[in-house]
Amino acid sequence: VCISTYPDTHEEFAIKALEAGCHIFIEKPLADTVTGCERIIQKANETGKKVVVGYILRHHPSWIRFIEESQKLGKPLVMRMNLNQQSHGYMWDVHRNLMKSLSPIVDCGVHYIDVMCQMTRSKPLSVTAIGARLTDDIATDNYNYGQLQIRFEDGSVGWYEAGWGPMISETAFFIKDVFGPKGAVSIVAKDAGASGKSDDVDSHTKTESIRVHHAAINDKNEFTKADQWIDMKDEPNHQELCNREQSYFLKAIQKD
């Protein structure tokens, strides 16, 4: 069973599918509460069925490379990421429906917190977050803009920001940036990060190029190594990434 409905139905549908003896591919987030996630995991263990969550970036060669390069920067890491979307038309309908159960920093943020956990390979210690409600078009108890800060056991820190709506700025809406003692690694998506692309789902996974900066300096405090550009022009499109997710799901079922 593939569950790609709105998040407030994930738990109910997942439990029913597992009880019916099905393996599940489920879009993120696994459920809309922590206890809901725990119930699905418990049911999967009871039934012996596979549950794969749609972390699409885990199957993207450019994001895999981004994480690999970040692990060369030493510790602690400082991770800065956002995905603000100036939504309108059909996508504003989608976002308003999503916000009946979740805020943007939960819906989108699970991808980037997962990336941060892979970069640090460290245990998160604390998360703090704040939000702002910029429209009356959503429920009074939800926010259409939010930002969070996360601290890890190894001293690394991360920041994530997400906002949805026709009022959201397109200036600096696509930041994917990491630095540590030895330098910095950044995704530089010159096309996908351009004005008018914040609402395009295909641009949300594109990297196009990765910039690696080396912090080493000489006795005059001048850099000893030029920045390196890694071209990612042959990266898969959104559909191909979905195909790779399903191949992984099949492998989980057939090969444990």
C-alpha atoms as a PDB file:
ATOM      1  CA  VAL A   1       0.000   0.000   0.000  1.00  0.00           C
ATOM      2  CA  CYS A   2       1.224   3.511  -0.865  1.00  0.00           C
ATOM      3  CA  ILE A   3      -0.090   6.170   1.511  1.00  0.00           C
ATOM      4  CA  SER A   4       0.286   9.653   0.027  1.00  0.00           C
ATOM      5  CA  THR A   5      -2.741  11.322   1.610  1.00  0.00           C
ATOM      6  CA  TYR A   6      -2.748  14.355   3.912  1.00  0.00           C
ATOM      7  CA  PRO A   7      -0.798  13.706   7.144  1.00  0.00           C
ATOM      8  CA  ASP A   8      -3.786  13.604   9.515  1.00  0.00           C
ATOM      9  CA  THR A   9      -4.917  10.318   7.867  1.00  0.00           C
ATOM     10  CA  HIS A  10      -1.510   8.566   7.843  1.00  0.00           C
ATOM     11  CA  GLU A  11      -1.804   6.825  11.199  1.00  0.00           C
ATOM     12  CA  GLU A  12      -5.297   5.431  10.598  1.00  0.00           C
ATOM     13  CA  PHE A  13      -4.544   4.186   7.076  1.00  0.00           C
ATOM     14  CA  ALA A  14      -1.161   2.717   8.091  1.00  0.00           C
ATOM     15  CA  ILE A  15      -2.625   0.737  10.983  1.00  0.00           C
ATOM     16  CA  LYS A  16      -5.431  -0.604   8.745  1.00  0.00           C
ATOM     17  CA  ALA A  17      -2.966  -1.585   6.012  1.00  0.00           C
ATOM     18  CA  LEU A  18      -0.655  -3.373   8.459  1.00  0.00           C
ATOM     19  CA  GLU A  19      -3.584  -5.208  10.039  1.00  0.00           C
ATOM     20  CA  ALA A  20      -4.588  -6.313   6.528  1.00  0.00           C
ATOM     21  CA  GLY A  21      -1.122  -7.841   6.074  1.00  0.00           C
ATOM     22  CA  CYS A  22       0.320  -5.198   3.732  1.00  0.00           C
ATOM     23  CA  HIS A  23       3.759  -3.660   3.474  1.00  0.00           C
ATOM     24  CA  ILE A  24       3.588   0.152   3.390  1.00  0.00           C
ATOM     25  CA  PHE A  25       5.308   2.964   1.560  1.00  0.00           C
ATOM     26  CA  ILE A  26       4.178   6.073   3.417  1.00  0.00           C
ATOM     27  CA  GLU A  27       4.927   9.695   2.630  1.00  0.00           C
ATOM     28  CA  LYS A  28       6.524  11.817   5.331  1.00  0.00           C
ATOM     29  CA  PRO A  29       5.763  12.555   8.063  1.00  0.00           C
ATOM     30  CA  LEU A  30       4.985   9.059   9.331  1.00  0.00           C
ATOM     31  CA  ALA A  31       2.095  10.474  11.405  1.00  0.00           C
ATOM     32  CA  ASP A  32       0.974  13.864  12.715  1.00  0.00           C
ATOM     33  CA  THR A  33       1.970  13.074  16.339  1.00  0.00           C
ATOM     34  CA  VAL A  34       4.897  11.294  17.978  1.00  0.00           C
ATOM     35  CA  THR A  35       2.540   8.804  19.644  1.00  0.00           C
ATOM     36  CA  GLY A  36       0.955   8.099  16.256  1.00  0.00           C
ATOM     37  CA  CYS A  37       4.402   7.295  14.831  1.00  0.00           C
ATOM     38  CA  GLU A  38       5.112   4.976  17.766  1.00  0.00           C
ATOM     39  CA  ARG A  39       1.819   3.135  17.224  1.00  0.00           C
ATOM     40  CA  ILE A  40       2.646   2.510  13.547  1.00  0.00           C
ATOM     41  CA  ILE A  41       6.147   1.262  14.433  1.00  0.00           C
ATOM     42  CA  GLN A  42       4.724  -1.057  17.097  1.00  0.00           C
ATOM     43  CA  LYS A  43       2.131  -2.452  14.670  1.00  0.00           C
ATOM     44  CA  ALA A  44       4.816  -2.989  11.997  1.00  0.00           C
ATOM     45  CA  ASN A  45       6.925  -4.942  14.487  1.00  0.00           C
ATOM     46  CA  GLU A  46       3.900  -7.016  15.554  1.00  0.00           C
ATOM     47  CA  THR A  47       2.953  -7.897  11.970  1.00  0.00           C
ATOM     48  CA  GLY A  48       6.482  -8.254  10.598  1.00  0.00           C
ATOM     49  CA  LYS A  49       5.681  -5.945   7.677  1.00  0.00           C
ATOM     50  CA  LYS A  50       7.933  -3.324   6.093  1.00  0.00           C
ATOM     51  CA  VAL A  51       7.244   0.394   6.516  1.00  0.00           C
ATOM     52  CA  VAL A  52       9.319   2.741   4.335  1.00  0.00           C
ATOM     53  CA  VAL A  53       8.940   6.501   4.825  1.00  0.00           C
ATOM     54  CA  GLY A  54       9.319   8.717   1.743  1.00  0.00           C
ATOM     55  CA  TYR A  55      12.569  10.505   2.542  1.00  0.00           C
ATOM     56  CA  ILE A  56      13.208  11.292  -1.124  1.00  0.00           C
ATOM     57  CA  LEU A  57      16.529  13.083  -0.512  1.00  0.00           C
ATOM     58  CA  ARG A  58      18.046   9.821   0.768  1.00  0.00           C
ATOM     59  CA  HIS A  59      17.825   8.516  -2.811  1.00  0.00           C
ATOM     60  CA  HIS A  60      19.249  11.627  -4.500  1.00  0.00           C
ATOM     61  CA  PRO A  61      22.922  11.288  -5.592  1.00  0.00           C
ATOM     62  CA  SER A  62      23.567  15.017  -5.221  1.00  0.00           C
ATOM     63  CA  TRP A  63      22.198  15.150  -1.660  1.00  0.00           C
ATOM     64  CA  ILE A  64      24.172  12.001  -0.808  1.00  0.00           C
ATOM     65  CA  ARG A  65      27.290  13.820  -2.076  1.00  0.00           C
ATOM     66  CA  PHE A  66      26.326  16.974  -0.130  1.00  0.00           C
ATOM     67  CA  ILE A  67      26.175  14.907   3.075  1.00  0.00           C
ATOM     68  CA  GLU A  68      29.469  13.133   2.283  1.00  0.00           C
ATOM     69  CA  GLU A  69      31.269  16.452   1.703  1.00  0.00           C
ATOM     70  CA  SER A  70      29.849  17.898   4.941  1.00  0.00           C
ATOM     71  CA  GLN A  71      31.334  14.993   6.902  1.00  0.00           C
ATOM     72  CA  LYS A  72      34.827  16.155   5.850  1.00  0.00           C
ATOM     73  CA  LEU A  73      34.454  19.555   7.558  1.00  0.00           C
ATOM     74  CA  GLY A  74      35.257  18.470  11.125  1.00  0.00           C
ATOM     75  CA  LYS A  75      33.093  19.057  14.194  1.00  0.00           C
ATOM     76  CA  PRO A  76      31.020  20.823  15.266  1.00  0.00           C
ATOM     77  CA  LEU A  77      28.954  21.570  12.178  1.00  0.00           C
ATOM     78  CA  VAL A  78      26.744  24.610  11.608  1.00  0.00           C
ATOM     79  CA  MET A  79      23.857  23.718   9.278  1.00  0.00           C
ATOM     80  CA  ARG A  80      21.630  26.364   7.666  1.00  0.00           C
ATOM     81  CA  MET A  81      18.678  25.296   5.545  1.00  0.00           C
ATOM     82  CA  ASN A  82      15.319  26.624   4.420  1.00  0.00           C
ATOM     83  CA  LEU A  83      12.559  26.093   1.887  1.00  0.00           C
ATOM     84  CA  ASN A  84      10.135  29.003   1.714  1.00  0.00           C
ATOM     85  CA  GLN A  85       7.400  28.735  -0.918  1.00  0.00           C
ATOM     86  CA  GLN A  86       5.561  31.713  -2.405  1.00  0.00           C
ATOM     87  CA  SER A  87       2.503  29.591  -3.128  1.00  0.00           C
ATOM     88  CA  HIS A  88      -0.436  30.662  -5.263  1.00  0.00           C
ATOM     89  CA  GLY A  89      -3.113  29.063  -7.438  1.00  0.00           C
ATOM     90  CA  TYR A  90      -3.367  25.283  -7.024  1.00  0.00           C
ATOM     91  CA  MET A  91      -0.397  25.082  -4.615  1.00  0.00           C
ATOM     92  CA  TRP A  92      -2.011  27.513  -2.152  1.00  0.00           C
ATOM     93  CA  ASP A  93      -5.000  25.124  -2.025  1.00  0.00           C
ATOM     94  CA  VAL A  94      -2.594  22.224  -1.345  1.00  0.00           C
ATOM     95  CA  HIS A  95      -0.753  24.141   1.367  1.00  0.00           C
ATOM     96  CA  ARG A  96      -3.935  25.269   3.109  1.00  0.00           C
ATOM     97  CA  ASN A  97      -5.145  21.655   3.161  1.00  0.00           C
ATOM     98  CA  LEU A  98      -1.801  20.503   4.591  1.00  0.00           C
ATOM     99  CA  MET A  99      -2.016  23.159   7.298  1.00  0.00           C
ATOM    100  CA  LYS A 100      -5.241  21.661   8.612  1.00  0.00           C
ATOM    101  CA  SER A 101      -2.965  19.191  10.399  1.00  0.00           C
ATOM    102  CA  LEU A 102       0.648  20.411  10.194  1.00  0.00           C
ATOM    103  CA  SER A 103       2.820  23.512   9.974  1.00  0.00           C
ATOM    104  CA  PRO A 104       5.358  24.007   7.136  1.00  0.00           C
ATOM    105  CA  ILE A 105       8.348  23.386   9.445  1.00  0.00           C
ATOM    106  CA  VAL A 106       6.970  19.946  10.321  1.00  0.00           C
ATOM    107  CA  ASP A 107       5.842  18.962   6.821  1.00  0.00           C
ATOM    108  CA  CYS A 108       9.031  20.100   5.038  1.00  0.00           C
ATOM    109  CA  GLY A 109      11.377  20.153   8.018  1.00  0.00           C
ATOM    110  CA  VAL A 110      11.445  16.366   8.493  1.00  0.00           C
ATOM    111  CA  HIS A 111      13.527  16.091   5.278  1.00  0.00           C
ATOM    112  CA  TYR A 112      16.155  18.552   6.423  1.00  0.00           C
ATOM    113  CA  ILE A 113      16.350  17.395  10.034  1.00  0.00           C
ATOM    114  CA  ASP A 114      16.951  13.915   8.572  1.00  0.00           C
ATOM    115  CA  VAL A 115      19.758  15.400   6.448  1.00  0.00           C
ATOM    116  CA  MET A 116      21.254  17.122   9.511  1.00  0.00           C
ATOM    117  CA  CYS A 117      21.175  13.846  11.461  1.00  0.00           C
ATOM    118  CA  GLN A 118      23.030  12.132   8.592  1.00  0.00           C
ATOM    119  CA  MET A 119      25.589  14.936   8.453  1.00  0.00           C
ATOM    120  CA  THR A 120      26.376  14.875  12.174  1.00  0.00           C
ATOM    121  CA  ARG A 121      25.757  11.174  12.952  1.00  0.00           C
ATOM    122  CA  SER A 122      24.997  12.558  16.395  1.00  0.00           C
ATOM    123  CA  LYS A 123      22.048  12.493  18.773  1.00  0.00           C
ATOM    124  CA  PRO A 124      19.787  15.572  18.806  1.00  0.00           C
ATOM    125  CA  LEU A 125      19.605  17.065  22.297  1.00  0.00           C
ATOM    126  CA  SER A 126      17.078  19.867  21.929  1.00  0.00           C
ATOM    127  CA  VAL A 127      14.788  21.584  19.437  1.00  0.00           C
ATOM    128  CA  THR A 128      13.238  25.024  19.824  1.00  0.00           C
ATOM    129  CA  ALA A 129      10.871  26.652  17.361  1.00  0.00           C
ATOM    130  CA  ILE A 130       8.811  29.773  16.775  1.00  0.00           C
ATOM    131  CA  GLY A 131       6.098  30.530  14.257  1.00  0.00           C
ATOM    132  CA  ALA A 132       4.009  33.327  12.789  1.00  0.00           C
ATOM    133  CA  ARG A 133       0.466  33.265  11.408  1.00  0.00           C
ATOM    134  CA  LEU A 134       0.366  35.587   8.402  1.00  0.00           C
ATOM    135  CA  THR A 135      -3.109  34.829   7.055  1.00  0.00           C
ATOM    136  CA  ASP A 136      -6.669  34.205   8.220  1.00  0.00           C
ATOM    137  CA  ASP A 137      -6.998  31.522   5.512  1.00  0.00           C
ATOM    138  CA  ILE A 138      -5.681  28.851   7.918  1.00  0.00           C
ATOM    139  CA  ALA A 139      -6.786  27.476  11.288  1.00  0.00           C
ATOM    140  CA  THR A 140      -6.321  29.820  14.240  1.00  0.00           C
ATOM    141  CA  ASP A 141      -4.045  27.312  16.008  1.00  0.00           C
ATOM    142  CA  ASN A 142      -1.564  26.945  13.116  1.00  0.00           C
ATOM    143  CA  TYR A 143       1.279  28.950  11.567  1.00  0.00           C
ATOM    144  CA  ASN A 144       2.147  29.355   7.899  1.00  0.00           C
ATOM    145  CA  TYR A 145       5.715  30.435   8.753  1.00  0.00           C
ATOM    146  CA  GLY A 146       8.128  28.853  11.209  1.00  0.00           C
ATOM    147  CA  GLN A 147      11.782  28.399  12.087  1.00  0.00           C
ATOM    148  CA  LEU A 148      13.548  25.928  14.351  1.00  0.00           C
ATOM    149  CA  GLN A 149      16.936  25.533  15.982  1.00  0.00           C
ATOM    150  CA  ILE A 150      18.394  22.117  16.822  1.00  0.00           C
ATOM    151  CA  ARG A 151      21.395  21.225  18.997  1.00  0.00           C
ATOM    152  CA  PHE A 152      23.313  17.943  18.776  1.00  0.00           C
ATOM    153  CA  GLU A 153      25.369  15.946  21.281  1.00  0.00           C
ATOM    154  CA  ASP A 154      28.608  16.612  19.343  1.00  0.00           C
ATOM    155  CA  GLY A 155      28.147  20.400  19.615  1.00  0.00           C
ATOM    156  CA  SER A 156      26.715  20.829  16.125  1.00  0.00           C
ATOM    157  CA  VAL A 157      23.806  23.215  15.631  1.00  0.00           C
ATOM    158  CA  GLY A 158      21.221  23.517  12.868  1.00  0.00           C
ATOM    159  CA  TRP A 159      18.640  26.051  11.719  1.00  0.00           C
ATOM    160  CA  TYR A 160      15.648  25.430   9.483  1.00  0.00           C
ATOM    161  CA  GLU A 161      12.988  27.797   8.146  1.00  0.00           C
ATOM    162  CA  ALA A 162       9.824  27.228   6.108  1.00  0.00           C
ATOM    163  CA  GLY A 163       6.881  29.371   5.079  1.00  0.00           C
ATOM    164  CA  TRP A 164       3.957  28.913   2.690  1.00  0.00           C
ATOM    165  CA  GLY A 165       1.639  31.450   1.135  1.00  0.00           C
ATOM    166  CA  PRO A 166       1.188  34.257  -1.388  1.00  0.00           C
ATOM    167  CA  MET A 167       2.942  36.712   0.960  1.00  0.00           C
ATOM    168  CA  ILE A 168       6.195  34.735   1.339  1.00  0.00           C
ATOM    169  CA  SER A 169       9.387  36.399   0.082  1.00  0.00           C
ATOM    170  CA  GLU A 170      11.392  34.777  -2.705  1.00  0.00           C
ATOM    171  CA  THR A 171      14.623  36.409  -1.562  1.00  0.00           C
ATOM    172  CA  ALA A 172      16.893  33.689  -0.107  1.00  0.00           C
ATOM    173  CA  PHE A 173      14.172  31.040  -0.116  1.00  0.00           C
ATOM    174  CA  PHE A 174      16.586  28.222  -1.040  1.00  0.00           C
ATOM    175  CA  ILE A 175      19.476  27.982   1.443  1.00  0.00           C
ATOM    176  CA  LYS A 176      21.366  24.700   1.881  1.00  0.00           C
ATOM    177  CA  ASP A 177      24.622  25.550   3.615  1.00  0.00           C
ATOM    178  CA  VAL A 178      26.958  23.803   6.081  1.00  0.00           C
ATOM    179  CA  PHE A 179      30.213  24.871   7.661  1.00  0.00           C
ATOM    180  CA  GLY A 180      32.660  23.407  10.136  1.00  0.00           C
ATOM    181  CA  PRO A 181      36.253  24.028  11.316  1.00  0.00           C
ATOM    182  CA  LYS A 182      37.738  22.914   7.965  1.00  0.00           C
ATOM    183  CA  GLY A 183      35.467  24.865   5.623  1.00  0.00           C
ATOM    184  CA  ALA A 184      32.008  24.955   4.082  1.00  0.00           C
ATOM    185  CA  VAL A 185      29.798  23.072   1.630  1.00  0.00           C
ATOM    186  CA  SER A 186      26.847  24.751  -0.075  1.00  0.00           C
ATOM    187  CA  ILE A 187      24.236  23.795  -2.639  1.00  0.00           C
ATOM    188  CA  VAL A 188      24.160  26.524  -5.278  1.00  0.00           C
ATOM    189  CA  ALA A 189      21.023  26.005  -7.375  1.00  0.00           C
ATOM    190  CA  LYS A 190      21.278  28.924  -9.776  1.00  0.00           C
ATOM    191  CA  ASP A 191      18.169  27.912 -11.743  1.00  0.00           C
ATOM    192  CA  ALA A 192      16.060  26.070  -9.132  1.00  0.00           C
ATOM    193  CA  GLY A 193      16.841  28.834  -6.645  1.00  0.00           C
ATOM    194  CA  ALA A 194      15.780  31.597  -9.026  1.00  0.00           C
ATOM    195  CA  SER A 195      12.765  33.862  -8.620  1.00  0.00           C
ATOM    196  CA  GLY A 196       9.494  32.149  -9.485  1.00  0.00           C
ATOM    197  CA  LYS A 197      10.770  28.649  -8.673  1.00  0.00           C
ATOM    198  CA  SER A 198       9.950  28.482  -4.953  1.00  0.00           C
ATOM    199  CA  ASP A 199       6.543  26.927  -5.700  1.00  0.00           C
ATOM    200  CA  ASP A 200       7.858  24.327  -8.196  1.00  0.00           C
ATOM    201  CA  VAL A 201       8.074  20.884  -6.561  1.00  0.00           C
ATOM    202  CA  ASP A 202      10.688  19.753  -9.094  1.00  0.00           C
ATOM    203  CA  SER A 203      13.034  22.526  -7.949  1.00  0.00           C
ATOM    204  CA  HIS A 204      12.845  21.433  -4.299  1.00  0.00           C
ATOM    205  CA  THR A 205      15.197  18.484  -4.843  1.00  0.00           C
ATOM    206  CA  LYS A 206      17.527  20.032  -7.444  1.00  0.00           C
ATOM    207  CA  THR A 207      21.080  20.958  -6.467  1.00  0.00           C
ATOM    208  CA  GLU A 208      22.684  21.746  -9.872  1.00  0.00           C
ATOM    209  CA  SER A 209      26.059  22.446  -8.241  1.00  0.00           C
ATOM    210  CA  ILE A 210      27.851  22.046  -4.914  1.00  0.00           C
ATOM    211  CA  ARG A 211      30.466  24.549  -3.765  1.00  0.00           C
ATOM    212  CA  VAL A 212      33.211  23.297  -1.441  1.00  0.00           C
ATOM    213  CA  HIS A 213      35.178  25.949   0.436  1.00  0.00           C
ATOM    214  CA  HIS A 214      38.426  25.144   2.261  1.00  0.00           C
ATOM    215  CA  ALA A 215      39.254  27.110   5.414  1.00  0.00           C
ATOM    216  CA  ALA A 216      43.044  26.494   5.384  1.00  0.00           C
ATOM    217  CA  ILE A 217      45.080  29.728   5.451  1.00  0.00           C
ATOM    218  CA  ASN A 218      48.790  30.606   5.319  1.00  0.00           C
ATOM    219  CA  ASP A 219      50.881  32.854   7.590  1.00  0.00           C
ATOM    220  CA  LYS A 220      49.336  35.906   5.893  1.00  0.00           C
ATOM    221  CA  ASN A 221      45.809  34.606   6.531  1.00  0.00           C
ATOM    222  CA  GLU A 222      45.280  34.027   2.814  1.00  0.00           C
ATOM    223  CA  PHE A 223      43.431  30.942   1.608  1.00  0.00           C
ATOM    224  CA  THR A 224      45.745  28.191   0.393  1.00  0.00           C
ATOM    225  CA  LYS A 225      43.205  26.373  -1.761  1.00  0.00           C
ATOM    226  CA  ALA A 226      40.614  27.636  -4.236  1.00  0.00           C
ATOM    227  CA  ASP A 227      36.933  26.772  -3.846  1.00  0.00           C
ATOM    228  CA  GLN A 228      35.887  23.597  -5.641  1.00  0.00           C
ATOM    229  CA  TRP A 229      32.726  23.413  -7.779  1.00  0.00           C
ATOM    230  CA  ILE A 230      31.046  20.019  -8.186  1.00  0.00           C
ATOM    231  CA  ASP A 231      28.701  19.998 -11.201  1.00  0.00           C
ATOM    232  CA  MET A 232      25.493  18.025 -10.691  1.00  0.00           C
ATOM    233  CA  LYS A 233      23.844  18.722 -14.068  1.00  0.00           C
ATOM    234  CA  ASP A 234      23.045  15.033 -14.696  1.00  0.00           C
ATOM    235  CA  GLU A 235      20.988  14.622 -11.528  1.00  0.00           C
ATOM    236  CA  PRO A 236      17.671  12.701 -11.724  1.00  0.00           C
ATOM    237  CA  ASN A 237      14.347  14.535 -12.000  1.00  0.00           C
ATOM    238  CA  HIS A 238      11.561  14.264  -9.423  1.00  0.00           C
ATOM    239  CA  GLN A 239       9.875  11.278 -11.103  1.00  0.00           C
ATOM    240  CA  GLU A 240      13.138   9.337 -11.326  1.00  0.00           C
ATOM    241  CA  LEU A 241      13.701   9.972  -7.605  1.00  0.00           C
ATOM    242  CA  CYS A 242      10.214   8.563  -6.913  1.00  0.00           C
ATOM    243  CA  ASN A 243      11.143   5.503  -9.009  1.00  0.00           C
ATOM    244  CA  ARG A 244      14.293   5.025  -6.900  1.00  0.00           C
ATOM    245  CA  GLU A 245      12.240   5.229  -3.704  1.00  0.00           C
ATOM    246  CA  GLN A 246       9.969   2.457  -4.976  1.00  0.00           C
ATOM    247  CA  SER A 247      12.960   0.302  -5.973  1.00  0.00           C
ATOM    248  CA  TYR A 248      14.256   0.701  -2.422  1.00  0.00           C
ATOM    249  CA  PHE A 249      10.812  -0.262  -1.051  1.00  0.00           C
ATOM    250  CA  LEU A 250      10.764  -3.397  -3.219  1.00  0.00           C
ATOM    251  CA  LYS A 251      14.277  -4.312  -2.043  1.00  0.00           C
ATOM    252  CA  ALA A 252      13.186  -3.895   1.581  1.00  0.00           C
ATOM    253  CA  ILE A 253      10.311  -6.339   1.011  1.00  0.00           C
ATOM    254  CA  GLN A 254      12.193  -8.919  -1.077  1.00  0.00           C
ATOM    255  CA  LYS A 255      15.638  -8.846   0.562  1.00  0.00           C
ATOM    256  CA  ASP A 256      14.785  -7.726   4.128  1.00  0.00           C
END
